[in-house]
Amino acid sequence: MTTPHWDPAQYLRFADERTRPLHDLLARVPVDPLSPPATILDIGCGPGNSTAVLRERWPEARITGVDNSPEMLSMARAEGEPTADYLLADALGYDPAPAAPDLIVSNALLQWIDGHLALLPRWTAALRPGGSLALQVPGNFDAPSHTLLRDLTRSTRWQDALGGLSAGAGVHEPSVYLDTLAGAGCSVDVWETTYSTLLPGPDPVLAWTRGTALRPVLTLLTDPADRRAFLADYGALLRDAYPAGPHGTVFPFRRIFAVATTRR
């Protein structure tokens, strides 16, 4: 899969909307109020917006953000959550066991990693007894925002320029995460939510995808003229699929959540 070049500022244009699922996820993490998590790993911390939420919720914890993007980590250190520790590492090869975490959080990361189900038993095994793994991923890969993008990259006009672009890792249905985490010996809470998000301004779905799904495409299209042409083609398709209404553009945003807790 193409390793995308990340733009932290573009990603954070919709920071509130992107962070809302994390709040819902953390609300379901079982925590003893007399013994809150002391060591937390934020794997795939990005620009630190998720790390800041963790700091607000558990101000005394030792929090380490892990990400493979120097650009994202630079913003995380400067503006996201400067009091946390940060580590440049790829989630696929990262071993959380030495940290002995009470809580591992993975916020909108696993959809980028092929074979990510194999990571989950390894991550839960690294937890201290009674610790939790909390993850959430997008569940909208069959939505027009993604199907139109895949079709366009494979079209006659763009297949040569984007021939090195894979379909991406994607995600599984909630039942698969439930089975995988239960098989790792955890008690598991899995659910899904579709947020009806109202996006303002012109071409807001294009602006949204420029922060996430479009990153591999924009990484491959190094010629500015090609970028402009592709964005014009994709933007026109999105305007038809997500017409603007009197109050903005409605963008359904499906997410899949899982919280797995180890035995004490």
C-alpha atoms as a PDB file:
ATOM      1  CA  MET A   1       0.000   0.000   0.000  1.00  0.00           C
ATOM      2  CA  THR A   2       1.200   3.537  -0.770  1.00  0.00           C
ATOM      3  CA  THR A   3       2.564   5.268   2.326  1.00  0.00           C
ATOM      4  CA  PRO A   4       0.745   8.599   2.347  1.00  0.00           C
ATOM      5  CA  HIS A   5       2.357  11.953   2.973  1.00  0.00           C
ATOM      6  CA  TRP A   6       0.259  13.540   5.716  1.00  0.00           C
ATOM      7  CA  ASP A   7      -0.878  17.150   6.005  1.00  0.00           C
ATOM      8  CA  PRO A   8      -1.686  17.782   9.684  1.00  0.00           C
ATOM      9  CA  ALA A   9      -3.398  21.120   9.043  1.00  0.00           C
ATOM     10  CA  GLN A  10      -5.718  19.599   6.431  1.00  0.00           C
ATOM     11  CA  TYR A  11      -6.519  16.675   8.727  1.00  0.00           C
ATOM     12  CA  LEU A  12      -7.453  19.052  11.548  1.00  0.00           C
ATOM     13  CA  ARG A  13      -9.828  21.152   9.439  1.00  0.00           C
ATOM     14  CA  PHE A  14     -12.555  18.885  10.808  1.00  0.00           C
ATOM     15  CA  ALA A  15     -10.927  18.215  14.173  1.00  0.00           C
ATOM     16  CA  ASP A  16     -14.164  18.226  16.200  1.00  0.00           C
ATOM     17  CA  GLU A  17     -15.914  15.808  13.856  1.00  0.00           C
ATOM     18  CA  ARG A  18     -12.903  13.487  13.700  1.00  0.00           C
ATOM     19  CA  THR A  19     -12.430  13.492  17.465  1.00  0.00           C
ATOM     20  CA  ARG A  20     -16.066  12.934  18.464  1.00  0.00           C
ATOM     21  CA  PRO A  21     -15.904   9.125  17.952  1.00  0.00           C
ATOM     22  CA  LEU A  22     -12.910   9.002  20.290  1.00  0.00           C
ATOM     23  CA  HIS A  23     -14.937  10.561  23.100  1.00  0.00           C
ATOM     24  CA  ASP A  24     -17.650   7.948  22.538  1.00  0.00           C
ATOM     25  CA  LEU A  25     -15.038   5.188  22.524  1.00  0.00           C
ATOM     26  CA  LEU A  26     -13.368   6.253  25.760  1.00  0.00           C
ATOM     27  CA  ALA A  27     -16.721   6.535  27.515  1.00  0.00           C
ATOM     28  CA  ARG A  28     -17.017   2.737  27.254  1.00  0.00           C
ATOM     29  CA  VAL A  29     -13.579   1.895  28.651  1.00  0.00           C
ATOM     30  CA  PRO A  30     -14.075   0.249  32.077  1.00  0.00           C
ATOM     31  CA  VAL A  31     -12.052   2.209  34.620  1.00  0.00           C
ATOM     32  CA  ASP A  32     -11.789   1.887  38.384  1.00  0.00           C
ATOM     33  CA  PRO A  33     -12.085   5.495  39.645  1.00  0.00           C
ATOM     34  CA  LEU A  34      -9.694   4.638  42.485  1.00  0.00           C
ATOM     35  CA  SER A  35      -7.119   3.232  40.057  1.00  0.00           C
ATOM     36  CA  PRO A  36      -7.232   5.058  36.685  1.00  0.00           C
ATOM     37  CA  PRO A  37      -4.830   4.113  33.878  1.00  0.00           C
ATOM     38  CA  ALA A  38      -1.276   5.060  34.781  1.00  0.00           C
ATOM     39  CA  THR A  39       0.366   4.199  31.448  1.00  0.00           C
ATOM     40  CA  ILE A  40      -1.418   4.833  28.132  1.00  0.00           C
ATOM     41  CA  LEU A  41      -0.261   4.224  24.562  1.00  0.00           C
ATOM     42  CA  ASP A  42      -1.892   6.217  21.765  1.00  0.00           C
ATOM     43  CA  ILE A  43      -0.904   4.140  18.731  1.00  0.00           C
ATOM     44  CA  GLY A  44      -1.449   6.146  15.560  1.00  0.00           C
ATOM     45  CA  CYS A  45      -1.621   9.416  17.470  1.00  0.00           C
ATOM     46  CA  GLY A  46      -1.424  11.610  14.361  1.00  0.00           C
ATOM     47  CA  PRO A  47      -1.199  15.352  15.161  1.00  0.00           C
ATOM     48  CA  GLY A  48      -1.940  14.733  18.837  1.00  0.00           C
ATOM     49  CA  ASN A  49      -5.642  15.561  18.866  1.00  0.00           C
ATOM     50  CA  SER A  50      -6.398  12.111  20.277  1.00  0.00           C
ATOM     51  CA  THR A  51      -3.498  12.413  22.738  1.00  0.00           C
ATOM     52  CA  ALA A  52      -4.938  15.695  24.009  1.00  0.00           C
ATOM     53  CA  VAL A  53      -8.278  13.990  24.677  1.00  0.00           C
ATOM     54  CA  LEU A  54      -6.508  11.277  26.648  1.00  0.00           C
ATOM     55  CA  ARG A  55      -4.602  13.879  28.680  1.00  0.00           C
ATOM     56  CA  GLU A  56      -7.814  15.736  29.478  1.00  0.00           C
ATOM     57  CA  ARG A  57      -9.477  12.533  30.644  1.00  0.00           C
ATOM     58  CA  TRP A  58      -6.499  11.123  32.602  1.00  0.00           C
ATOM     59  CA  PRO A  59      -4.286  14.105  33.495  1.00  0.00           C
ATOM     60  CA  GLU A  60      -1.895  12.140  35.724  1.00  0.00           C
ATOM     61  CA  ALA A  61      -1.191   9.306  33.285  1.00  0.00           C
ATOM     62  CA  ARG A  62       2.057   8.757  31.452  1.00  0.00           C
ATOM     63  CA  ILE A  63       0.970   8.954  27.814  1.00  0.00           C
ATOM     64  CA  THR A  64       3.076   7.970  24.811  1.00  0.00           C
ATOM     65  CA  GLY A  65       1.942   8.765  21.276  1.00  0.00           C
ATOM     66  CA  VAL A  66       3.207   6.496  18.516  1.00  0.00           C
ATOM     67  CA  ASP A  67       3.072   7.405  14.815  1.00  0.00           C
ATOM     68  CA  ASN A  68       5.064   6.782  11.635  1.00  0.00           C
ATOM     69  CA  SER A  69       4.672  10.336  10.271  1.00  0.00           C
ATOM     70  CA  PRO A  70       7.340  12.901  11.276  1.00  0.00           C
ATOM     71  CA  GLU A  71       4.986  15.681  10.147  1.00  0.00           C
ATOM     72  CA  MET A  72       2.205  14.469  12.412  1.00  0.00           C
ATOM     73  CA  LEU A  73       4.522  13.999  15.385  1.00  0.00           C
ATOM     74  CA  SER A  74       5.992  17.467  14.926  1.00  0.00           C
ATOM     75  CA  MET A  75       2.533  19.009  15.282  1.00  0.00           C
ATOM     76  CA  ALA A  76       1.660  16.664  18.145  1.00  0.00           C
ATOM     77  CA  ARG A  77       4.699  17.801  20.109  1.00  0.00           C
ATOM     78  CA  ALA A  78       4.142  21.489  19.372  1.00  0.00           C
ATOM     79  CA  GLU A  79       0.365  21.843  19.520  1.00  0.00           C
ATOM     80  CA  GLY A  80      -1.424  18.536  20.091  1.00  0.00           C
ATOM     81  CA  GLU A  81      -0.346  17.461  23.580  1.00  0.00           C
ATOM     82  CA  PRO A  82       3.140  18.794  24.385  1.00  0.00           C
ATOM     83  CA  THR A  83       3.359  17.073  27.790  1.00  0.00           C
ATOM     84  CA  ALA A  84       3.133  13.553  26.321  1.00  0.00           C
ATOM     85  CA  ASP A  85       6.037  11.444  25.129  1.00  0.00           C
ATOM     86  CA  TYR A  86       6.208  10.648  21.418  1.00  0.00           C
ATOM     87  CA  LEU A  87       7.800   7.866  19.427  1.00  0.00           C
ATOM     88  CA  LEU A  88       8.366   7.619  15.682  1.00  0.00           C
ATOM     89  CA  ALA A  89       7.504   4.020  14.849  1.00  0.00           C
ATOM     90  CA  ASP A  90       5.381   1.967  12.500  1.00  0.00           C
ATOM     91  CA  ALA A  91       2.425   0.346  14.267  1.00  0.00           C
ATOM     92  CA  LEU A  92       2.918  -2.917  12.391  1.00  0.00           C
ATOM     93  CA  GLY A  93       6.332  -3.527  13.903  1.00  0.00           C
ATOM     94  CA  TYR A  94       5.945  -1.669  17.179  1.00  0.00           C
ATOM     95  CA  ASP A  95       6.037  -3.797  20.341  1.00  0.00           C
ATOM     96  CA  PRO A  96       3.977  -2.252  23.158  1.00  0.00           C
ATOM     97  CA  ALA A  97       4.963  -4.904  25.721  1.00  0.00           C
ATOM     98  CA  PRO A  98       7.939  -3.031  27.280  1.00  0.00           C
ATOM     99  CA  ALA A  99       5.626  -0.139  28.209  1.00  0.00           C
ATOM    100  CA  ALA A 100       3.338  -2.489  30.197  1.00  0.00           C
ATOM    101  CA  PRO A 101       0.350  -0.251  29.413  1.00  0.00           C
ATOM    102  CA  ASP A 102      -2.909  -0.093  31.313  1.00  0.00           C
ATOM    103  CA  LEU A 103      -4.642   1.201  28.186  1.00  0.00           C
ATOM    104  CA  ILE A 104      -3.878   1.062  24.478  1.00  0.00           C
ATOM    105  CA  VAL A 105      -5.889   3.373  22.241  1.00  0.00           C
ATOM    106  CA  SER A 106      -5.986   3.080  18.462  1.00  0.00           C
ATOM    107  CA  ASN A 107      -8.007   5.910  16.950  1.00  0.00           C
ATOM    108  CA  ALA A 108      -8.650   5.698  13.174  1.00  0.00           C
ATOM    109  CA  LEU A 109      -5.428   3.818  12.443  1.00  0.00           C
ATOM    110  CA  LEU A 110      -6.055   0.169  11.630  1.00  0.00           C
ATOM    111  CA  GLN A 111      -7.790   0.847   8.302  1.00  0.00           C
ATOM    112  CA  TRP A 112      -4.343   1.746   6.917  1.00  0.00           C
ATOM    113  CA  ILE A 113      -2.704  -1.555   7.926  1.00  0.00           C
ATOM    114  CA  ASP A 114      -3.026  -4.769   5.921  1.00  0.00           C
ATOM    115  CA  GLY A 115      -3.515  -7.773   8.164  1.00  0.00           C
ATOM    116  CA  HIS A 116      -4.209  -5.646  11.216  1.00  0.00           C
ATOM    117  CA  LEU A 117      -6.271  -8.361  12.928  1.00  0.00           C
ATOM    118  CA  ALA A 118      -2.988 -10.084  13.784  1.00  0.00           C
ATOM    119  CA  LEU A 119      -1.955  -7.050  15.823  1.00  0.00           C
ATOM    120  CA  LEU A 120      -4.879  -7.248  18.217  1.00  0.00           C
ATOM    121  CA  PRO A 121      -3.907 -10.378  20.209  1.00  0.00           C
ATOM    122  CA  ARG A 122      -0.344  -9.047  20.451  1.00  0.00           C
ATOM    123  CA  TRP A 123      -1.558  -5.713  21.768  1.00  0.00           C
ATOM    124  CA  THR A 124      -3.931  -7.227  24.321  1.00  0.00           C
ATOM    125  CA  ALA A 125      -1.181  -9.591  25.497  1.00  0.00           C
ATOM    126  CA  ALA A 126       0.977  -6.536  26.255  1.00  0.00           C
ATOM    127  CA  LEU A 127      -1.613  -5.066  28.639  1.00  0.00           C
ATOM    128  CA  ARG A 128      -1.363  -5.316  32.375  1.00  0.00           C
ATOM    129  CA  PRO A 129      -4.033  -7.549  33.977  1.00  0.00           C
ATOM    130  CA  GLY A 130      -7.370  -5.757  33.777  1.00  0.00           C
ATOM    131  CA  GLY A 131      -6.083  -3.385  31.100  1.00  0.00           C
ATOM    132  CA  SER A 132      -8.019  -2.446  27.973  1.00  0.00           C
ATOM    133  CA  LEU A 133      -7.517  -1.998  24.252  1.00  0.00           C
ATOM    134  CA  ALA A 134      -9.862   0.593  22.757  1.00  0.00           C
ATOM    135  CA  LEU A 135     -10.071   1.023  18.990  1.00  0.00           C
ATOM    136  CA  GLN A 136     -12.259   2.700  16.424  1.00  0.00           C
ATOM    137  CA  VAL A 137     -12.084   2.610  12.634  1.00  0.00           C
ATOM    138  CA  PRO A 138     -14.142   4.039   9.777  1.00  0.00           C
ATOM    139  CA  GLY A 139     -16.816   1.723   8.419  1.00  0.00           C
ATOM    140  CA  ASN A 140     -17.669   3.733   5.312  1.00  0.00           C
ATOM    141  CA  PHE A 141     -15.532   2.065   2.638  1.00  0.00           C
ATOM    142  CA  ASP A 142     -18.686   1.254   0.631  1.00  0.00           C
ATOM    143  CA  ALA A 143     -19.857   4.877   0.783  1.00  0.00           C
ATOM    144  CA  PRO A 144     -19.734   7.039  -2.377  1.00  0.00           C
ATOM    145  CA  SER A 145     -16.779   9.015  -0.987  1.00  0.00           C
ATOM    146  CA  HIS A 146     -14.686   5.854  -1.257  1.00  0.00           C
ATOM    147  CA  THR A 147     -16.244   3.920  -4.139  1.00  0.00           C
ATOM    148  CA  LEU A 148     -16.100   6.951  -6.433  1.00  0.00           C
ATOM    149  CA  LEU A 149     -12.465   7.485  -5.508  1.00  0.00           C
ATOM    150  CA  ARG A 150     -11.561   3.857  -6.246  1.00  0.00           C
ATOM    151  CA  ASP A 151     -13.401   3.918  -9.570  1.00  0.00           C
ATOM    152  CA  LEU A 152     -11.750   7.169 -10.607  1.00  0.00           C
ATOM    153  CA  THR A 153      -8.212   5.943  -9.864  1.00  0.00           C
ATOM    154  CA  ARG A 154      -8.893   2.906 -12.071  1.00  0.00           C
ATOM    155  CA  SER A 155     -10.386   4.909 -14.947  1.00  0.00           C
ATOM    156  CA  THR A 156      -8.664   5.163 -18.317  1.00  0.00           C
ATOM    157  CA  ARG A 157      -7.603   8.734 -17.621  1.00  0.00           C
ATOM    158  CA  TRP A 158      -5.874   8.013 -14.323  1.00  0.00           C
ATOM    159  CA  GLN A 159      -4.847   4.366 -14.270  1.00  0.00           C
ATOM    160  CA  ASP A 160      -1.332   5.028 -15.596  1.00  0.00           C
ATOM    161  CA  ALA A 161      -0.547   7.767 -13.065  1.00  0.00           C
ATOM    162  CA  LEU A 162      -2.135   5.882 -10.199  1.00  0.00           C
ATOM    163  CA  GLY A 163      -1.227   2.342 -11.167  1.00  0.00           C
ATOM    164  CA  GLY A 164       0.811   1.937  -7.986  1.00  0.00           C
ATOM    165  CA  LEU A 165      -2.129   2.727  -5.740  1.00  0.00           C
ATOM    166  CA  SER A 166      -3.651  -0.210  -3.911  1.00  0.00           C
ATOM    167  CA  ALA A 167      -7.235  -0.394  -2.749  1.00  0.00           C
ATOM    168  CA  GLY A 168      -6.021   0.031   0.823  1.00  0.00           C
ATOM    169  CA  ALA A 169      -6.282  -2.209   3.829  1.00  0.00           C
ATOM    170  CA  GLY A 170      -9.876  -1.448   4.740  1.00  0.00           C
ATOM    171  CA  VAL A 171     -11.661  -2.832   7.779  1.00  0.00           C
ATOM    172  CA  HIS A 172     -13.768  -5.803   8.847  1.00  0.00           C
ATOM    173  CA  GLU A 173     -17.331  -6.031  10.018  1.00  0.00           C
ATOM    174  CA  PRO A 174     -17.910  -5.625  13.780  1.00  0.00           C
ATOM    175  CA  SER A 175     -18.436  -9.358  14.303  1.00  0.00           C
ATOM    176  CA  VAL A 176     -14.890 -10.078  13.097  1.00  0.00           C
ATOM    177  CA  TYR A 177     -13.365  -7.772  15.706  1.00  0.00           C
ATOM    178  CA  LEU A 178     -15.617  -9.349  18.333  1.00  0.00           C
ATOM    179  CA  ASP A 179     -14.462 -12.873  17.449  1.00  0.00           C
ATOM    180  CA  THR A 180     -10.794 -11.907  17.241  1.00  0.00           C
ATOM    181  CA  LEU A 181     -10.689 -10.142  20.595  1.00  0.00           C
ATOM    182  CA  ALA A 182     -12.818 -12.761  22.365  1.00  0.00           C
ATOM    183  CA  GLY A 183     -10.440 -15.375  21.003  1.00  0.00           C
ATOM    184  CA  ALA A 184      -7.603 -13.479  22.664  1.00  0.00           C
ATOM    185  CA  GLY A 185      -9.254 -14.129  26.030  1.00  0.00           C
ATOM    186  CA  CYS A 186     -10.765 -10.685  26.545  1.00  0.00           C
ATOM    187  CA  SER A 187     -14.188  -9.486  27.540  1.00  0.00           C
ATOM    188  CA  VAL A 188     -15.323  -7.469  24.533  1.00  0.00           C
ATOM    189  CA  ASP A 189     -17.716  -4.631  23.768  1.00  0.00           C
ATOM    190  CA  VAL A 190     -18.205  -3.971  20.033  1.00  0.00           C
ATOM    191  CA  TRP A 191     -20.652  -1.576  18.384  1.00  0.00           C
ATOM    192  CA  GLU A 192     -21.090   0.767  15.442  1.00  0.00           C
ATOM    193  CA  THR A 193     -22.462   4.279  14.964  1.00  0.00           C
ATOM    194  CA  THR A 194     -23.271   6.337  11.888  1.00  0.00           C
ATOM    195  CA  TYR A 195     -22.893  10.060  12.531  1.00  0.00           C
ATOM    196  CA  SER A 196     -24.916  12.346  10.284  1.00  0.00           C
ATOM    197  CA  THR A 197     -22.390  15.119   9.967  1.00  0.00           C
ATOM    198  CA  LEU A 198     -23.331  18.498   8.475  1.00  0.00           C
ATOM    199  CA  LEU A 199     -20.322  19.895   6.612  1.00  0.00           C
ATOM    200  CA  PRO A 200     -20.239  23.619   5.713  1.00  0.00           C
ATOM    201  CA  GLY A 201     -18.793  25.476   2.766  1.00  0.00           C
ATOM    202  CA  PRO A 202     -18.088  24.616  -0.878  1.00  0.00           C
ATOM    203  CA  ASP A 203     -16.955  21.071  -1.733  1.00  0.00           C
ATOM    204  CA  PRO A 204     -16.805  20.043   1.941  1.00  0.00           C
ATOM    205  CA  VAL A 205     -16.628  16.283   1.287  1.00  0.00           C
ATOM    206  CA  LEU A 206     -13.633  16.890  -0.975  1.00  0.00           C
ATOM    207  CA  ALA A 207     -12.029  18.922   1.825  1.00  0.00           C
ATOM    208  CA  TRP A 208     -12.777  16.096   4.278  1.00  0.00           C
ATOM    209  CA  THR A 209     -11.232  13.393   2.095  1.00  0.00           C
ATOM    210  CA  ARG A 210      -8.162  15.540   1.402  1.00  0.00           C
ATOM    211  CA  GLY A 211      -7.266  14.965   5.037  1.00  0.00           C
ATOM    212  CA  THR A 212      -7.614  11.164   4.909  1.00  0.00           C
ATOM    213  CA  ALA A 213      -8.705   8.986   1.982  1.00  0.00           C
ATOM    214  CA  LEU A 214      -7.108  11.218  -0.660  1.00  0.00           C
ATOM    215  CA  ARG A 215      -3.666  11.245   0.949  1.00  0.00           C
ATOM    216  CA  PRO A 216      -2.285   8.211  -0.983  1.00  0.00           C
ATOM    217  CA  VAL A 217      -3.567   9.702  -4.271  1.00  0.00           C
ATOM    218  CA  LEU A 218      -2.050  13.115  -3.586  1.00  0.00           C
ATOM    219  CA  THR A 219       1.214  11.458  -2.581  1.00  0.00           C
ATOM    220  CA  LEU A 220       1.483   9.743  -5.975  1.00  0.00           C
ATOM    221  CA  LEU A 221       0.370  12.760  -8.027  1.00  0.00           C
ATOM    222  CA  THR A 222       3.507  14.861  -7.720  1.00  0.00           C
ATOM    223  CA  ASP A 223       2.703  17.073 -10.729  1.00  0.00           C
ATOM    224  CA  PRO A 224       0.581  20.067  -9.584  1.00  0.00           C
ATOM    225  CA  ALA A 225      -1.410  20.074 -12.839  1.00  0.00           C
ATOM    226  CA  ASP A 226      -2.304  16.406 -12.382  1.00  0.00           C
ATOM    227  CA  ARG A 227      -3.365  17.086  -8.819  1.00  0.00           C
ATOM    228  CA  ARG A 228      -5.646  19.930  -9.883  1.00  0.00           C
ATOM    229  CA  ALA A 229      -7.184  17.850 -12.660  1.00  0.00           C
ATOM    230  CA  PHE A 230      -7.809  14.852 -10.412  1.00  0.00           C
ATOM    231  CA  LEU A 231      -9.347  16.990  -7.672  1.00  0.00           C
ATOM    232  CA  ALA A 232     -11.612  18.643 -10.240  1.00  0.00           C
ATOM    233  CA  ASP A 233     -12.819  15.243 -11.505  1.00  0.00           C
ATOM    234  CA  TYR A 234     -13.319  13.830  -8.017  1.00  0.00           C
ATOM    235  CA  GLY A 235     -14.924  17.004  -6.713  1.00  0.00           C
ATOM    236  CA  ALA A 236     -17.540  16.950  -9.476  1.00  0.00           C
ATOM    237  CA  LEU A 237     -18.441  13.349  -8.619  1.00  0.00           C
ATOM    238  CA  LEU A 238     -18.745  14.197  -4.930  1.00  0.00           C
ATOM    239  CA  ARG A 239     -21.018  17.167  -5.582  1.00  0.00           C
ATOM    240  CA  ASP A 240     -23.451  14.848  -7.368  1.00  0.00           C
ATOM    241  CA  ALA A 241     -23.234  12.185  -4.646  1.00  0.00           C
ATOM    242  CA  TYR A 242     -23.469  14.637  -1.741  1.00  0.00           C
ATOM    243  CA  PRO A 243     -25.577  17.592  -2.906  1.00  0.00           C
ATOM    244  CA  ALA A 244     -25.450  20.724  -0.803  1.00  0.00           C
ATOM    245  CA  GLY A 245     -28.612  21.515   1.141  1.00  0.00           C
ATOM    246  CA  PRO A 246     -29.864  24.764   2.631  1.00  0.00           C
ATOM    247  CA  HIS A 247     -27.846  24.240   5.821  1.00  0.00           C
ATOM    248  CA  GLY A 248     -24.772  22.476   4.465  1.00  0.00           C
ATOM    249  CA  THR A 249     -23.866  19.051   3.083  1.00  0.00           C
ATOM    250  CA  VAL A 250     -24.953  15.930   4.950  1.00  0.00           C
ATOM    251  CA  PHE A 251     -22.103  13.438   5.200  1.00  0.00           C
ATOM    252  CA  PRO A 252     -22.908  10.057   6.824  1.00  0.00           C
ATOM    253  CA  PHE A 253     -19.883   8.944   8.821  1.00  0.00           C
ATOM    254  CA  ARG A 254     -20.019   5.282   9.947  1.00  0.00           C
ATOM    255  CA  ARG A 255     -17.578   4.128  12.627  1.00  0.00           C
ATOM    256  CA  ILE A 256     -16.839   0.719  14.175  1.00  0.00           C
ATOM    257  CA  PHE A 257     -15.762   0.536  17.833  1.00  0.00           C
ATOM    258  CA  ALA A 258     -14.277  -2.147  20.069  1.00  0.00           C
ATOM    259  CA  VAL A 259     -13.148  -2.217  23.700  1.00  0.00           C
ATOM    260  CA  ALA A 260     -11.380  -5.390  24.873  1.00  0.00           C
ATOM    261  CA  THR A 261     -10.470  -5.873  28.531  1.00  0.00           C
ATOM    262  CA  THR A 262      -8.089  -8.492  29.868  1.00  0.00           C
ATOM    263  CA  ARG A 263      -8.705 -10.595  32.955  1.00  0.00           C
ATOM    264  CA  ARG A 264      -7.234  -9.516  36.280  1.00  0.00           C
END
